[in-house]
N, C-alpha and C. Protein backbone atom coordinates (compact mmCIF):
# COMPACT_ATOMS: atom_id res chain seq x y z
N MET A 1 0.85 -1.17 0.00
CA MET A 1 0.00 0.00 0.00
C MET A 1 0.90 1.24 0.00
N ALA A 2 0.58 2.17 -0.85
CA ALA A 2 1.36 3.40 -0.96
C ALA A 2 1.19 4.25 0.31
N GLU A 3 2.19 5.07 0.57
CA GLU A 3 2.18 5.89 1.79
C GLU A 3 0.95 6.80 1.85
N ARG A 4 0.62 7.42 0.73
CA ARG A 4 -0.54 8.33 0.72
C ARG A 4 -1.83 7.56 0.99
N GLU A 5 -1.95 6.36 0.41
CA GLU A 5 -3.14 5.54 0.68
C GLU A 5 -3.22 5.20 2.16
N THR A 6 -2.09 4.88 2.76
CA THR A 6 -2.06 4.56 4.19
C THR A 6 -2.53 5.75 5.02
N GLU A 7 -2.02 6.93 4.69
CA GLU A 7 -2.42 8.16 5.40
C GLU A 7 -3.92 8.40 5.24
N LEU A 8 -4.42 8.21 4.02
CA LEU A 8 -5.85 8.44 3.78
C LEU A 8 -6.71 7.40 4.48
N CYS A 9 -6.26 6.17 4.55
CA CYS A 9 -7.00 5.15 5.31
C CYS A 9 -7.11 5.57 6.77
N GLU A 10 -6.02 6.09 7.32
CA GLU A 10 -6.03 6.57 8.70
C GLU A 10 -7.00 7.73 8.86
N LEU A 11 -7.01 8.65 7.89
CA LEU A 11 -7.92 9.80 7.94
C LEU A 11 -9.37 9.33 7.84
N PHE A 12 -9.66 8.40 6.93
CA PHE A 12 -11.01 7.84 6.82
C PHE A 12 -11.41 7.26 8.18
N GLY A 13 -10.50 6.51 8.80
CA GLY A 13 -10.79 5.89 10.09
C GLY A 13 -11.07 6.91 11.18
N GLU A 14 -10.30 8.00 11.18
CA GLU A 14 -10.52 9.07 12.17
C GLU A 14 -11.90 9.69 11.99
N VAL A 15 -12.25 10.00 10.75
CA VAL A 15 -13.54 10.65 10.47
C VAL A 15 -14.70 9.71 10.79
N LEU A 16 -14.55 8.44 10.44
CA LEU A 16 -15.63 7.47 10.64
C LEU A 16 -15.65 6.86 12.04
N GLY A 17 -14.53 6.95 12.75
CA GLY A 17 -14.44 6.29 14.04
C GLY A 17 -14.35 4.78 13.89
N VAL A 18 -13.74 4.34 12.78
CA VAL A 18 -13.62 2.91 12.46
C VAL A 18 -12.14 2.60 12.22
N PRO A 19 -11.57 1.68 12.98
CA PRO A 19 -10.16 1.33 12.75
C PRO A 19 -10.01 0.34 11.59
N GLY A 20 -8.80 0.26 11.07
CA GLY A 20 -8.47 -0.77 10.08
C GLY A 20 -9.07 -0.58 8.70
N ILE A 21 -9.18 0.65 8.24
CA ILE A 21 -9.72 0.93 6.91
C ILE A 21 -8.72 0.47 5.85
N GLU A 22 -9.22 -0.17 4.81
CA GLU A 22 -8.41 -0.60 3.67
C GLU A 22 -8.65 0.36 2.50
N PRO A 23 -7.72 0.45 1.54
CA PRO A 23 -7.84 1.41 0.44
C PRO A 23 -9.11 1.28 -0.40
N GLU A 24 -9.66 0.09 -0.52
CA GLU A 24 -10.85 -0.11 -1.34
C GLU A 24 -12.15 -0.11 -0.54
N ASP A 25 -12.07 0.13 0.77
CA ASP A 25 -13.28 0.17 1.59
C ASP A 25 -14.13 1.38 1.20
N HIS A 26 -15.41 1.14 1.07
CA HIS A 26 -16.38 2.16 0.64
C HIS A 26 -16.81 2.99 1.85
N PHE A 27 -16.55 4.29 1.78
CA PHE A 27 -16.83 5.22 2.87
C PHE A 27 -18.26 5.08 3.39
N PHE A 28 -19.22 5.01 2.50
CA PHE A 28 -20.62 4.98 2.91
C PHE A 28 -21.04 3.62 3.46
N ASP A 29 -20.41 2.56 3.01
CA ASP A 29 -20.68 1.23 3.57
C ASP A 29 -20.16 1.10 4.99
N LEU A 30 -19.21 1.95 5.35
CA LEU A 30 -18.62 1.92 6.69
C LEU A 30 -19.34 2.85 7.67
N GLY A 31 -20.47 3.41 7.24
CA GLY A 31 -21.25 4.28 8.12
C GLY A 31 -21.14 5.76 7.80
N GLY A 32 -20.42 6.09 6.74
CA GLY A 32 -20.29 7.49 6.35
C GLY A 32 -21.60 8.06 5.84
N HIS A 33 -21.75 9.35 5.94
CA HIS A 33 -22.91 10.06 5.41
C HIS A 33 -22.45 11.42 4.89
N SER A 34 -23.37 12.21 4.39
CA SER A 34 -23.01 13.44 3.70
C SER A 34 -22.21 14.41 4.57
N LEU A 35 -22.57 14.55 5.83
CA LEU A 35 -21.83 15.48 6.70
C LEU A 35 -20.41 15.00 6.95
N LEU A 36 -20.25 13.70 7.14
CA LEU A 36 -18.90 13.15 7.34
C LEU A 36 -18.09 13.23 6.04
N ALA A 37 -18.76 13.07 4.90
CA ALA A 37 -18.06 13.19 3.62
C ALA A 37 -17.53 14.61 3.46
N SER A 38 -18.34 15.60 3.80
CA SER A 38 -17.89 16.99 3.72
C SER A 38 -16.72 17.24 4.66
N LYS A 39 -16.78 16.67 5.85
CA LYS A 39 -15.69 16.81 6.82
C LYS A 39 -14.41 16.18 6.28
N LEU A 40 -14.53 15.00 5.69
CA LEU A 40 -13.37 14.31 5.16
C LEU A 40 -12.73 15.11 4.02
N VAL A 41 -13.54 15.58 3.08
CA VAL A 41 -13.03 16.34 1.95
C VAL A 41 -12.34 17.62 2.43
N LYS A 42 -12.91 18.25 3.46
CA LYS A 42 -12.28 19.46 4.02
C LYS A 42 -10.93 19.12 4.64
N GLN A 43 -10.86 18.02 5.37
CA GLN A 43 -9.59 17.63 5.99
C GLN A 43 -8.54 17.24 4.96
N VAL A 44 -8.97 16.62 3.88
CA VAL A 44 -8.04 16.30 2.79
C VAL A 44 -7.46 17.59 2.23
N HIS A 45 -8.31 18.59 2.02
CA HIS A 45 -7.84 19.88 1.50
C HIS A 45 -6.86 20.54 2.47
N GLU A 46 -7.19 20.53 3.75
CA GLU A 46 -6.31 21.15 4.75
C GLU A 46 -4.96 20.44 4.83
N ARG A 47 -4.98 19.13 4.72
CA ARG A 47 -3.75 18.34 4.88
C ARG A 47 -2.88 18.35 3.63
N TYR A 48 -3.51 18.28 2.46
CA TYR A 48 -2.75 18.12 1.21
C TYR A 48 -2.79 19.33 0.29
N GLY A 49 -3.66 20.31 0.60
CA GLY A 49 -3.75 21.50 -0.23
C GLY A 49 -4.41 21.26 -1.57
N VAL A 50 -5.16 20.19 -1.68
CA VAL A 50 -5.85 19.85 -2.93
C VAL A 50 -7.33 19.70 -2.62
N ARG A 51 -8.13 20.34 -3.45
CA ARG A 51 -9.58 20.22 -3.29
C ARG A 51 -10.07 19.00 -4.08
N VAL A 52 -10.67 18.08 -3.37
CA VAL A 52 -11.31 16.93 -4.00
C VAL A 52 -12.79 17.28 -4.10
N PRO A 53 -13.32 17.39 -5.32
CA PRO A 53 -14.73 17.73 -5.46
C PRO A 53 -15.62 16.69 -4.76
N LEU A 54 -16.58 17.16 -4.01
CA LEU A 54 -17.48 16.27 -3.29
C LEU A 54 -18.17 15.31 -4.26
N ARG A 55 -18.51 15.82 -5.42
CA ARG A 55 -19.19 14.97 -6.41
C ARG A 55 -18.31 13.79 -6.81
N SER A 56 -17.03 14.03 -7.06
CA SER A 56 -16.16 12.93 -7.45
C SER A 56 -15.94 11.98 -6.27
N PHE A 57 -15.95 12.49 -5.05
CA PHE A 57 -15.84 11.61 -3.89
C PHE A 57 -17.05 10.70 -3.80
N TYR A 58 -18.23 11.24 -4.07
CA TYR A 58 -19.44 10.42 -4.04
C TYR A 58 -19.40 9.33 -5.11
N GLU A 59 -18.78 9.61 -6.24
CA GLU A 59 -18.71 8.63 -7.32
C GLU A 59 -17.79 7.46 -6.98
N ASP A 60 -16.74 7.69 -6.22
CA ASP A 60 -15.81 6.62 -5.83
C ASP A 60 -15.24 6.95 -4.45
N PRO A 61 -16.01 6.65 -3.40
CA PRO A 61 -15.63 7.07 -2.05
C PRO A 61 -14.68 6.09 -1.34
N THR A 62 -13.51 5.93 -1.93
CA THR A 62 -12.49 5.07 -1.32
C THR A 62 -11.20 5.85 -1.14
N ALA A 63 -10.38 5.40 -0.22
CA ALA A 63 -9.08 6.04 0.01
C ALA A 63 -8.22 5.94 -1.24
N ARG A 64 -8.30 4.82 -1.95
CA ARG A 64 -7.50 4.64 -3.16
C ARG A 64 -7.89 5.68 -4.22
N ALA A 65 -9.18 5.93 -4.40
CA ALA A 65 -9.63 6.91 -5.39
C ALA A 65 -9.19 8.32 -5.01
N VAL A 66 -9.27 8.66 -3.73
CA VAL A 66 -8.83 9.98 -3.29
C VAL A 66 -7.33 10.13 -3.49
N ALA A 67 -6.57 9.09 -3.17
CA ALA A 67 -5.12 9.13 -3.38
C ALA A 67 -4.79 9.35 -4.85
N LYS A 68 -5.52 8.70 -5.72
CA LYS A 68 -5.30 8.87 -7.16
C LYS A 68 -5.56 10.31 -7.58
N GLN A 69 -6.63 10.91 -7.06
CA GLN A 69 -6.92 12.32 -7.39
C GLN A 69 -5.82 13.23 -6.88
N LEU A 70 -5.32 12.96 -5.69
CA LEU A 70 -4.23 13.78 -5.15
C LEU A 70 -2.97 13.63 -6.00
N ASP A 71 -2.68 12.43 -6.43
CA ASP A 71 -1.50 12.20 -7.28
C ASP A 71 -1.64 12.93 -8.61
N GLN A 72 -2.84 12.93 -9.18
CA GLN A 72 -3.07 13.61 -10.46
C GLN A 72 -2.95 15.12 -10.32
N ALA A 73 -3.29 15.64 -9.14
CA ALA A 73 -3.22 17.09 -8.92
C ALA A 73 -1.79 17.56 -8.67
N ALA A 74 -0.92 16.65 -8.29
CA ALA A 74 0.46 17.02 -7.96
C ALA A 74 1.28 17.34 -9.19
């Protein structure tokens, strides 16, 4: 698992209050909802300086997908 994916899994876990998140785990299947999604996207922006559109997060709400978007923005 790439370092960024690991960091994002930890962030997903912090936001959801769920330990042991894997890169392909679906945010909403783990108990996430719209307010937590907004919180997560905001924290990603604060931590990495990249805005992940909420719409794209809803389309693929996994740590792996967010990591890919961050890599593409770099």
